[in-house]
C-alpha cells in the first residue's frame, strides 16, 4: 500500500502543474522514499472492522430519516415563499385594476 501513496504523490505533482520532465527519477517512477506512508491505515490489518449488518441498516435508516426531514423543511420554506409571492402579485393586480 506504500506504492499507492507513492503514486498519489506522483499524481499530486501533476495536479500542482509538474510534468514528467520536471520530476526526479524517483518521483517519475514512484520509487521515492515515503516514510510517512507507513502510518497510513491502508493495510488490511489496520482497517476498521465492518459494522454489524443490523447496525449498518439502522444507521442508513437514520441517515435517510434525517435527509427526509431536511427535504421537508426545505419544501415547507418553498411553500411559504410561494404563498408570499402569490399574495404580492395578487395585491399588485388589485392595485393596478383600480
PDB file of N, CA and C in Angstrom:
ATOM      1  N   UNK A   1       0.802  -1.194   0.000  1.00  0.00           N
ATOM      2  CA  UNK A   1       0.000   0.000   0.000  1.00  0.00           C
ATOM      3  C   UNK A   1       0.850   1.266   0.000  1.00  0.00           C
ATOM      4  N   UNK A   2       2.121   1.112   0.335  1.00  0.00           N
ATOM      5  CA  UNK A   2       3.005   2.267   0.240  1.00  0.00           C
ATOM      6  C   UNK A   2       3.121   2.696  -1.216  1.00  0.00           C
ATOM      7  N   UNK A   3       2.991   1.726  -2.121  1.00  0.00           N
ATOM      8  CA  UNK A   3       3.045   2.038  -3.549  1.00  0.00           C
ATOM      9  C   UNK A   3       1.913   2.978  -3.934  1.00  0.00           C
ATOM     10  N   UNK A   4       0.732   2.773  -3.332  1.00  0.00           N
ATOM     11  CA  UNK A   4      -0.398   3.660  -3.604  1.00  0.00           C
ATOM     12  C   UNK A   4      -0.049   5.080  -3.185  1.00  0.00           C
ATOM     13  N   UNK A   5       0.586   5.233  -2.038  1.00  0.00           N
ATOM     14  CA  UNK A   5       0.975   6.558  -1.560  1.00  0.00           C
ATOM     15  C   UNK A   5       1.965   7.201  -2.524  1.00  0.00           C
ATOM     16  N   UNK A   6       2.871   6.410  -3.034  1.00  0.00           N
ATOM     17  CA  UNK A   6       3.859   6.956  -3.982  1.00  0.00           C
ATOM     18  C   UNK A   6       3.190   7.426  -5.269  1.00  0.00           C
ATOM     19  N   UNK A   7       2.233   6.648  -5.755  1.00  0.00           N
ATOM     20  CA  UNK A   7       1.504   7.042  -6.969  1.00  0.00           C
ATOM     21  C   UNK A   7       0.686   8.300  -6.703  1.00  0.00           C
ATOM     22  N   UNK A   8       0.104   8.389  -5.515  1.00  0.00           N
ATOM     23  CA  UNK A   8      -0.660   9.593  -5.165  1.00  0.00           C
ATOM     24  C   UNK A   8       0.234  10.824  -5.155  1.00  0.00           C
ATOM     25  N   UNK A   9       1.447  10.681  -4.634  1.00  0.00           N
ATOM     26  CA  UNK A   9       2.392  11.808  -4.645  1.00  0.00           C
ATOM     27  C   UNK A   9       2.699  12.196  -6.090  1.00  0.00           C
ATOM     28  N   UNK A  10       2.932  11.206  -6.939  1.00  0.00           N
ATOM     29  CA  UNK A  10       3.229  11.450  -8.348  1.00  0.00           C
ATOM     30  C   UNK A  10       2.064  12.211  -9.002  1.00  0.00           C
ATOM     31  N   UNK A  11       0.840  11.735  -8.773  1.00  0.00           N
ATOM     32  CA  UNK A  11      -0.324  12.375  -9.377  1.00  0.00           C
ATOM     33  C   UNK A  11      -0.579  13.752  -8.778  1.00  0.00           C
ATOM     34  N   UNK A  12      -0.301  13.931  -7.489  1.00  0.00           N
ATOM     35  CA  UNK A  12      -0.450  15.241  -6.862  1.00  0.00           C
ATOM     36  C   UNK A  12       0.513  16.247  -7.488  1.00  0.00           C
ATOM     37  N   UNK A  13       1.678  15.767  -7.862  1.00  0.00           N
ATOM     38  CA  UNK A  13       2.626  16.659  -8.537  1.00  0.00           C
ATOM     39  C   UNK A  13       2.063  17.113  -9.878  1.00  0.00           C
ATOM     40  N   UNK A  14       1.376  16.204 -10.576  1.00  0.00           N
ATOM     41  CA  UNK A  14       0.723  16.592 -11.835  1.00  0.00           C
ATOM     42  C   UNK A  14      -0.332  17.664 -11.569  1.00  0.00           C
ATOM     43  N   UNK A  15      -1.125  17.481 -10.495  1.00  0.00           N
ATOM     44  CA  UNK A  15      -2.151  18.464 -10.169  1.00  0.00           C
ATOM     45  C   UNK A  15      -1.545  19.816  -9.840  1.00  0.00           C
ATOM     46  N   UNK A  16      -0.330  19.797  -9.295  1.00  0.00           N
ATOM     47  CA  UNK A  16       0.361  21.045  -8.963  1.00  0.00           C
ATOM     48  C   UNK A  16       1.010  21.671 -10.193  1.00  0.00           C
ATOM     49  N   UNK A  17       0.941  20.983 -11.332  1.00  0.00           N
ATOM     50  CA  UNK A  17       1.478  21.553 -12.568  1.00  0.00           C
ATOM     51  C   UNK A  17       2.791  20.955 -13.034  1.00  0.00           C
ATOM     52  N   UNK A  18       3.327  19.981 -12.315  1.00  0.00           N
ATOM     53  CA  UNK A  18       4.597  19.380 -12.720  1.00  0.00           C
ATOM     54  C   UNK A  18       4.375  18.425 -13.882  1.00  0.00           C
ATOM     55  N   UNK A  19       5.349  18.426 -14.784  1.00  0.00           N
ATOM     56  CA  UNK A  19       5.329  17.476 -15.891  1.00  0.00           C
ATOM     57  C   UNK A  19       6.381  16.409 -15.619  1.00  0.00           C
ATOM     58  N   UNK A  20       6.332  15.328 -16.373  1.00  0.00           N
ATOM     59  CA  UNK A  20       7.285  14.244 -16.140  1.00  0.00           C
ATOM     60  C   UNK A  20       8.720  14.747 -16.242  1.00  0.00           C
ATOM     61  N   UNK A  21       8.987  15.630 -17.170  1.00  0.00           N
ATOM     62  CA  UNK A  21      10.361  16.113 -17.320  1.00  0.00           C
ATOM     63  C   UNK A  21      10.795  16.987 -16.151  1.00  0.00           C
ATOM     64  N   UNK A  22       9.828  17.487 -15.353  1.00  0.00           N
ATOM     65  CA  UNK A  22      10.154  18.290 -14.180  1.00  0.00           C
ATOM     66  C   UNK A  22      10.454  17.434 -12.952  1.00  0.00           C
ATOM     67  N   UNK A  23      10.105  16.154 -12.996  1.00  0.00           N
ATOM     68  CA  UNK A  23      10.234  15.272 -11.833  1.00  0.00           C
ATOM     69  C   UNK A  23      11.594  14.602 -11.797  1.00  0.00           C
ATOM     70  N   UNK A  24      12.017  14.261 -10.581  1.00  0.00           N
ATOM     71  CA  UNK A  24      13.232  13.464 -10.450  1.00  0.00           C
ATOM     72  C   UNK A  24      12.915  12.041 -10.886  1.00  0.00           C
ATOM     73  N   UNK A  25      13.943  11.233 -11.066  1.00  0.00           N
ATOM     74  CA  UNK A  25      13.732   9.837 -11.468  1.00  0.00           C
ATOM     75  C   UNK A  25      12.879   9.101 -10.447  1.00  0.00           C
ATOM     76  N   UNK A  26      13.124   9.339  -9.158  1.00  0.00           N
ATOM     77  CA  UNK A  26      12.347   8.670  -8.111  1.00  0.00           C
ATOM     78  C   UNK A  26      10.884   9.109  -8.134  1.00  0.00           C
ATOM     79  N   UNK A  27      10.645  10.394  -8.368  1.00  0.00           N
ATOM     80  CA  UNK A  27       9.273  10.882  -8.433  1.00  0.00           C
ATOM     81  C   UNK A  27       8.557  10.347  -9.671  1.00  0.00           C
ATOM     82  N   UNK A  28       9.288  10.299 -10.785  1.00  0.00           N
ATOM     83  CA  UNK A  28       8.700   9.839 -12.040  1.00  0.00           C
ATOM     84  C   UNK A  28       8.339   8.360 -11.974  1.00  0.00           C
ATOM     85  N   UNK A  29       9.215   7.544 -11.388  1.00  0.00           N
ATOM     86  CA  UNK A  29       8.974   6.099 -11.346  1.00  0.00           C
ATOM     87  C   UNK A  29       8.272   5.654 -10.066  1.00  0.00           C
ATOM     88  N   UNK A  30       7.872   6.595  -9.236  1.00  0.00           N
ATOM     89  CA  UNK A  30       7.158   6.315  -7.983  1.00  0.00           C
ATOM     90  C   UNK A  30       7.966   5.417  -7.053  1.00  0.00           C
ATOM     91  N   UNK A  31       9.255   5.696  -6.928  1.00  0.00           N
ATOM     92  CA  UNK A  31      10.105   4.929  -6.024  1.00  0.00           C
ATOM     93  C   UNK A  31      10.705   5.816  -4.930  1.00  0.00           C
ATOM     94  N   UNK A  32      10.154   7.017  -4.763  1.00  0.00           N
ATOM     95  CA  UNK A  32      10.689   7.928  -3.771  1.00  0.00           C
ATOM     96  C   UNK A  32      10.416   7.413  -2.362  1.00  0.00           C
ATOM     97  N   UNK A  33      11.256   7.757  -1.395  1.00  0.00           N
ATOM     98  CA  UNK A  33      11.011   7.307  -0.030  1.00  0.00           C
ATOM     99  C   UNK A  33       9.769   7.992   0.534  1.00  0.00           C
ATOM    100  N   UNK A  34       8.935   7.203   1.171  1.00  0.00           N
ATOM    101  CA  UNK A  34       7.706   7.731   1.768  1.00  0.00           C
ATOM    102  C   UNK A  34       7.561   7.165   3.175  1.00  0.00           C
ATOM    103  N   UNK A  35       8.372   7.629   4.114  1.00  0.00           N
ATOM    104  CA  UNK A  35       8.273   7.092   5.472  1.00  0.00           C
ATOM    105  C   UNK A  35       6.930   7.407   6.123  1.00  0.00           C
ATOM    106  N   UNK A  36       6.302   8.489   5.730  1.00  0.00           N
ATOM    107  CA  UNK A  36       5.011   8.862   6.298  1.00  0.00           C
ATOM    108  C   UNK A  36       3.908   7.899   5.878  1.00  0.00           C
ATOM    109  N   UNK A  37       4.090   7.200   4.767  1.00  0.00           N
ATOM    110  CA  UNK A  37       3.040   6.315   4.262  1.00  0.00           C
ATOM    111  C   UNK A  37       2.866   5.079   5.127  1.00  0.00           C
ATOM    112  N   UNK A  38       3.885   4.703   5.873  1.00  0.00           N
ATOM    113  CA  UNK A  38       3.789   3.509   6.711  1.00  0.00           C
ATOM    114  C   UNK A  38       2.743   3.679   7.807  1.00  0.00           C
ATOM    115  N   UNK A  39       2.468   4.919   8.203  1.00  0.00           N
ATOM    116  CA  UNK A  39       1.496   5.140   9.279  1.00  0.00           C
ATOM    117  C   UNK A  39       0.066   5.258   8.761  1.00  0.00           C
ATOM    118  N   UNK A  40      -0.121   5.257   7.444  1.00  0.00           N
ATOM    119  CA  UNK A  40      -1.470   5.351   6.896  1.00  0.00           C
ATOM    120  C   UNK A  40      -2.206   4.029   7.081  1.00  0.00           C
ATOM    121  N   UNK A  41      -3.498   4.068   7.420  1.00  0.00           N
ATOM    122  CA  UNK A  41      -4.252   2.827   7.613  1.00  0.00           C
ATOM    123  C   UNK A  41      -4.731   2.247   6.288  1.00  0.00           C
ATOM    124  N   UNK A  42      -3.801   1.970   5.384  1.00  0.00           N
ATOM    125  CA  UNK A  42      -4.153   1.425   4.088  1.00  0.00           C
ATOM    126  C   UNK A  42      -4.019  -0.087   4.040  1.00  0.00           C
ATOM    127  N   UNK A  43      -3.345  -0.655   5.018  1.00  0.00           N
ATOM    128  CA  UNK A  43      -3.180  -2.096   5.037  1.00  0.00           C
ATOM    129  C   UNK A  43      -4.397  -2.744   5.649  1.00  0.00           C
ATOM    130  N   UNK A  44      -4.707  -3.939   5.230  1.00  0.00           N
ATOM    131  CA  UNK A  44      -5.920  -4.608   5.680  1.00  0.00           C
ATOM    132  C   UNK A  44      -5.946  -4.820   7.187  1.00  0.00           C
ATOM    133  N   UNK A  45      -4.822  -5.111   7.809  1.00  0.00           N
ATOM    134  CA  UNK A  45      -4.822  -5.357   9.249  1.00  0.00           C
ATOM    135  C   UNK A  45      -5.113  -4.082  10.036  1.00  0.00           C
ATOM    136  N   UNK A  46      -4.901  -2.904   9.431  1.00  0.00           N
ATOM    137  CA  UNK A  46      -5.182  -1.648  10.109  1.00  0.00           C
ATOM    138  C   UNK A  46      -6.583  -1.128   9.817  1.00  0.00           C
ATOM    139  N   UNK A  47      -7.288  -1.765   8.913  1.00  0.00           N
ATOM    140  CA  UNK A  47      -8.599  -1.278   8.507  1.00  0.00           C
ATOM    141  C   UNK A  47      -9.602  -1.419   9.650  1.00  0.00           C
ATOM    142  N   UNK A  48     -10.575  -0.570   9.629  1.00  0.00           N
ATOM    143  CA  UNK A  48     -11.634  -0.611  10.637  1.00  0.00           C
ATOM    144  C   UNK A  48     -12.522  -1.807  10.342  1.00  0.00           C
ATOM    145  N   UNK A  49     -12.869  -2.599  11.351  1.00  0.00           N
ATOM    146  CA  UNK A  49     -13.716  -3.766  11.086  1.00  0.00           C
ATOM    147  C   UNK A  49     -15.109  -3.339  10.625  1.00  0.00           C
ATOM    148  N   UNK A  50     -15.721  -4.191   9.814  1.00  0.00           N
ATOM    149  CA  UNK A  50     -17.052  -3.916   9.293  1.00  0.00           C
ATOM    150  C   UNK A  50     -18.063  -3.885  10.429  1.00  0.00           C
ATOM    151  N   UNK A  51     -19.022  -3.003  10.329  1.00  0.00           N
ATOM    152  CA  UNK A  51     -20.079  -2.927  11.332  1.00  0.00           C
ATOM    153  C   UNK A  51     -21.067  -4.067  11.103  1.00  0.00           C
ATOM    154  N   UNK A  52     -21.798  -4.398  12.143  1.00  0.00           N
ATOM    155  CA  UNK A  52     -22.829  -5.416  12.075  1.00  0.00           C
ATOM    156  C   UNK A  52     -23.873  -4.980  11.042  1.00  0.00           C
ATOM    157  N   UNK A  53     -24.379  -5.896  10.197  1.00  0.00           N
ATOM    158  CA  UNK A  53     -25.365  -5.509   9.187  1.00  0.00           C
ATOM    159  C   UNK A  53     -26.591  -4.805   9.776  1.00  0.00           C
ATOM    160  N   UNK A  54     -27.021  -5.219  10.952  1.00  0.00           N
ATOM    161  CA  UNK A  54     -28.174  -4.561  11.574  1.00  0.00           C
ATOM    162  C   UNK A  54     -27.828  -3.118  11.953  1.00  0.00           C
ATOM    163  N   UNK A  55     -26.598  -2.906  12.433  1.00  0.00           N
ATOM    164  CA  UNK A  55     -26.164  -1.554  12.782  1.00  0.00           C
ATOM    165  C   UNK A  55     -26.062  -0.684  11.538  1.00  0.00           C
ATOM    166  N   UNK A  56     -25.536  -1.258  10.448  1.00  0.00           N
ATOM    167  CA  UNK A  56     -25.436  -0.506   9.188  1.00  0.00           C
ATOM    168  C   UNK A  56     -26.819  -0.115   8.699  1.00  0.00           C
ATOM    169  N   UNK A  57     -27.770  -1.055   8.788  1.00  0.00           N
ATOM    170  CA  UNK A  57     -29.131  -0.781   8.323  1.00  0.00           C
ATOM    171  C   UNK A  57     -29.767   0.316   9.174  1.00  0.00           C
ATOM    172  N   UNK A  58     -29.567   0.254  10.496  1.00  0.00           N
ATOM    173  CA  UNK A  58     -30.118   1.271  11.385  1.00  0.00           C
ATOM    174  C   UNK A  58     -29.500   2.636  11.096  1.00  0.00           C
ATOM    175  N   UNK A  59     -28.196   2.659  10.858  1.00  0.00           N
ATOM    176  CA  UNK A  59     -27.513   3.921  10.560  1.00  0.00           C
ATOM    177  C   UNK A  59     -28.005   4.497   9.234  1.00  0.00           C
ATOM    178  N   UNK A  60     -28.183   3.629   8.240  1.00  0.00           N
ATOM    179  CA  UNK A  60     -28.674   4.087   6.942  1.00  0.00           C
ATOM    180  C   UNK A  60     -30.088   4.622   7.074  1.00  0.00           C
ATOM    181  N   UNK A  61     -30.901   3.940   7.863  1.00  0.00           N
ATOM    182  CA  UNK A  61     -32.277   4.386   8.083  1.00  0.00           C
ATOM    183  C   UNK A  61     -32.302   5.745   8.773  1.00  0.00           C
ATOM    184  N   UNK A  62     -31.440   5.928   9.752  1.00  0.00           N
ATOM    185  CA  UNK A  62     -31.356   7.212  10.448  1.00  0.00           C
ATOM    186  C   UNK A  62     -30.907   8.314   9.494  1.00  0.00           C
ATOM    187  N   UNK A  63     -29.952   7.991   8.618  1.00  0.00           N
ATOM    188  CA  UNK A  63     -29.488   8.973   7.638  1.00  0.00           C
ATOM    189  C   UNK A  63     -30.615   9.356   6.684  1.00  0.00           C
ATOM    190  N   UNK A  64     -31.393   8.357   6.242  1.00  0.00           N
ATOM    191  CA  UNK A  64     -32.499   8.642   5.332  1.00  0.00           C
ATOM    192  C   UNK A  64     -33.568   9.490   6.025  1.00  0.00           C
ATOM    193  N   UNK A  65     -33.844   9.200   7.294  1.00  0.00           N
ATOM    194  CA  UNK A  65     -34.827   9.983   8.037  1.00  0.00           C
ATOM    195  C   UNK A  65     -34.358  11.431   8.170  1.00  0.00           C
ATOM    196  N   UNK A  66     -33.088  11.616   8.509  1.00  0.00           N
ATOM    197  CA  UNK A  66     -32.541  12.968   8.638  1.00  0.00           C
ATOM    198  C   UNK A  66     -32.632  13.726   7.319  1.00  0.00           C
ATOM    199  N   UNK A  67     -32.318  13.030   6.221  1.00  0.00           N
ATOM    200  CA  UNK A  67     -32.391  13.649   4.897  1.00  0.00           C
ATOM    201  C   UNK A  67     -33.838  14.027   4.563  1.00  0.00           C
ATOM    202  N   UNK A  68     -34.781  13.117   4.845  1.00  0.00           N
ATOM    203  CA  UNK A  68     -36.188  13.384   4.550  1.00  0.00           C
ATOM    204  C   UNK A  68     -36.695  14.570   5.366  1.00  0.00           C
ATOM    205  N   UNK A  69     -36.276  14.672   6.618  1.00  0.00           N
ATOM    206  CA  UNK A  69     -36.682  15.807   7.448  1.00  0.00           C
ATOM    207  C   UNK A  69     -36.124  17.115   6.895  1.00  0.00           C
ATOM    208  N   UNK A  70     -34.888  17.082   6.433  1.00  0.00           N
ATOM    209  CA  UNK A  70     -34.288  18.287   5.853  1.00  0.00           C
ATOM    210  C   UNK A  70     -35.016  18.683   4.574  1.00  0.00           C
ATOM    211  N   UNK A  71     -35.369  17.702   3.732  1.00  0.00           N
ATOM    212  CA  UNK A  71     -36.092  17.995   2.495  1.00  0.00           C
ATOM    213  C   UNK A  71     -37.486  18.543   2.791  1.00  0.00           C
ATOM    214  N   UNK A  72     -38.152  18.022   3.828  1.00  0.00           N
ATOM    215  CA  UNK A  72     -39.462  18.533   4.221  1.00  0.00           C
ATOM    216  C   UNK A  72     -39.359  19.980   4.682  1.00  0.00           C
ATOM    217  N   UNK A  73     -38.335  20.298   5.443  1.00  0.00           N
ATOM    218  CA  UNK A  73     -38.140  21.678   5.894  1.00  0.00           C
ATOM    219  C   UNK A  73     -37.925  22.606   4.706  1.00  0.00           C
ATOM    220  N   UNK A  74     -37.148  22.168   3.732  1.00  0.00           N
ATOM    221  CA  UNK A  74     -36.926  22.989   2.540  1.00  0.00           C
ATOM    222  C   UNK A  74     -38.215  23.165   1.753  1.00  0.00           C
ATOM    223  N   UNK A  75     -38.998  22.096   1.625  1.00  0.00           N
ATOM    224  CA  UNK A  75     -40.256  22.180   0.898  1.00  0.00           C
ATOM    225  C   UNK A  75     -41.226  23.129   1.598  1.00  0.00           C
ATOM    226  N   UNK A  76     -41.273  23.073   2.935  1.00  0.00           N
ATOM    227  CA  UNK A  76     -42.143  23.985   3.686  1.00  0.00           C
ATOM    228  C   UNK A  76     -41.736  25.430   3.452  1.00  0.00           C
ATOM    229  N   UNK A  77     -40.434  25.673   3.432  1.00  0.00           N
ATOM    230  CA  UNK A  77     -39.947  27.028   3.183  1.00  0.00           C
ATOM    231  C   UNK A  77     -40.334  27.488   1.779  1.00  0.00           C
ATOM    232  N   UNK A  78     -40.182  26.599   0.792  1.00  0.00           N
ATOM    233  CA  UNK A  78     -40.566  26.961  -0.581  1.00  0.00           C
ATOM    234  C   UNK A  78     -42.057  27.261  -0.660  1.00  0.00           C
ATOM    235  N   UNK A  79     -42.874  26.477   0.047  1.00  0.00           N
ATOM    236  CA  UNK A  79     -44.318  26.695   0.047  1.00  0.00           C
ATOM    237  C   UNK A  79     -44.666  28.046   0.654  1.00  0.00           C
ATOM    238  N   UNK A  80     -44.033  28.384   1.783  1.00  0.00           N
ATOM    239  CA  UNK A  80     -44.280  29.687   2.413  1.00  0.00           C
ATOM    240  C   UNK A  80     -43.889  30.816   1.473  1.00  0.00           C
ATOM    241  N   UNK A  81     -42.774  30.651   0.803  1.00  0.00           N
ATOM    242  CA  UNK A  81     -42.338  31.692  -0.145  1.00  0.00           C
ATOM    243  C   UNK A  81     -43.324  31.813  -1.298  1.00  0.00           C
ATOM    244  N   UNK A  82     -43.821  30.672  -1.775  1.00  0.00           N
ATOM    245  CA  UNK A  82     -44.773  30.702  -2.878  1.00  0.00           C
ATOM    246  C   UNK A  82     -46.044  31.450  -2.476  1.00  0.00           C
ATOM    247  N   UNK A  83     -46.549  31.202  -1.255  1.00  0.00           N
ATOM    248  CA  UNK A  83     -47.727  31.927  -0.788  1.00  0.00           C
ATOM    249  C   UNK A  83     -47.447  33.426  -0.699  1.00  0.00           C
ATOM    250  N   UNK A  84     -46.276  33.780  -0.215  1.00  0.00           N
ATOM    251  CA  UNK A  84     -45.913  35.188  -0.106  1.00  0.00           C
ATOM    252  C   UNK A  84     -45.855  35.836  -1.480  1.00  0.00           C
ATOM    253  N   UNK A  85     -45.274  35.147  -2.443  1.00  0.00           N
ATOM    254  CA  UNK A  85     -45.176  35.688  -3.804  1.00  0.00           C
ATOM    255  C   UNK A  85     -46.563  35.815  -4.418  1.00  0.00           C
ATOM    256  N   UNK A  86     -47.417  34.820  -4.167  1.00  0.00           N
ATOM    257  CA  UNK A  86     -48.786  34.885  -4.690  1.00  0.00           C
ATOM    258  C   UNK A  86     -49.517  36.096  -4.116  1.00  0.00           C
ATOM    259  N   UNK A  87     -49.399  36.318  -2.821  1.00  0.00           N
ATOM    260  CA  UNK A  87     -50.054  37.468  -2.189  1.00  0.00           C
ATOM    261  C   UNK A  87     -49.530  38.775  -2.768  1.00  0.00           C
ATOM    262  N   UNK A  88     -48.232  38.832  -2.991  1.00  0.00           N
ATOM    263  CA  UNK A  88     -47.622  40.054  -3.544  1.00  0.00           C
ATOM    264  C   UNK A  88     -48.214  40.376  -4.910  1.00  0.00           C
ATOM    265  N   UNK A  89     -48.302  39.380  -5.784  1.00  0.00           N
ATOM    266  CA  UNK A  89     -48.795  39.630  -7.128  1.00  0.00           C
ATOM    267  C   UNK A  89     -50.296  39.850  -7.146  1.00  0.00           C
ATOM    268  N   UNK A  90     -51.029  39.199  -6.250  1.00  0.00           N
ATOM    269  CA  UNK A  90     -52.471  39.456  -6.162  1.00  0.00           C
ATOM    270  C   UNK A  90     -52.707  40.895  -5.716  1.00  0.00           C
ATOM    271  N   UNK A  91     -51.924  41.358  -4.753  1.00  0.00           N
ATOM    272  CA  UNK A  91     -52.017  42.735  -4.293  1.00  0.00           C
ATOM    273  C   UNK A  91     -51.679  43.702  -5.425  1.00  0.00           C
ATOM    274  N   UNK A  92     -50.666  43.397  -6.181  1.00  0.00           N
ATOM    275  CA  UNK A  92     -50.268  44.268  -7.299  1.00  0.00           C
ATOM    276  C   UNK A  92     -51.369  44.327  -8.359  1.00  0.00           C
ATOM    277  N   UNK A  93     -51.973  43.161  -8.643  1.00  0.00           N
ATOM    278  CA  UNK A  93     -53.047  43.134  -9.636  1.00  0.00           C
ATOM    279  C   UNK A  93     -54.239  43.953  -9.139  1.00  0.00           C
ATOM    280  N   UNK A  94     -54.596  43.807  -7.852  1.00  0.00           N
ATOM    281  CA  UNK A  94     -55.702  44.588  -7.300  1.00  0.00           C
ATOM    282  C   UNK A  94     -55.419  46.094  -7.397  1.00  0.00           C
ATOM    283  N   UNK A  95     -54.183  46.466  -7.091  1.00  0.00           N
ATOM    284  CA  UNK A  95     -53.825  47.884  -7.134  1.00  0.00           C
ATOM    285  C   UNK A  95     -53.881  48.425  -8.560  1.00  0.00           C
ATOM    286  N   UNK A  96     -53.428  47.648  -9.503  1.00  0.00           N
ATOM    287  CA  UNK A  96     -53.408  48.109 -10.901  1.00  0.00           C
ATOM    288  C   UNK A  96     -54.775  48.031 -11.548  1.00  0.00           C
ATOM    289  N   UNK A  97     -55.688  47.245 -10.974  1.00  0.00           N
ATOM    290  CA  UNK A  97     -57.027  47.099 -11.526  1.00  0.00           C
ATOM    291  C   UNK A  97     -57.923  48.283 -11.179  1.00  0.00           C
ATOM    292  N   UNK A  98     -57.603  49.034 -10.173  1.00  0.00           N
ATOM    293  CA  UNK A  98     -58.444  50.152  -9.725  1.00  0.00           C
ATOM    294  C   UNK A  98     -58.399  51.308 -10.672  1.00  0.00           C
TER     295      UNK A  98
END
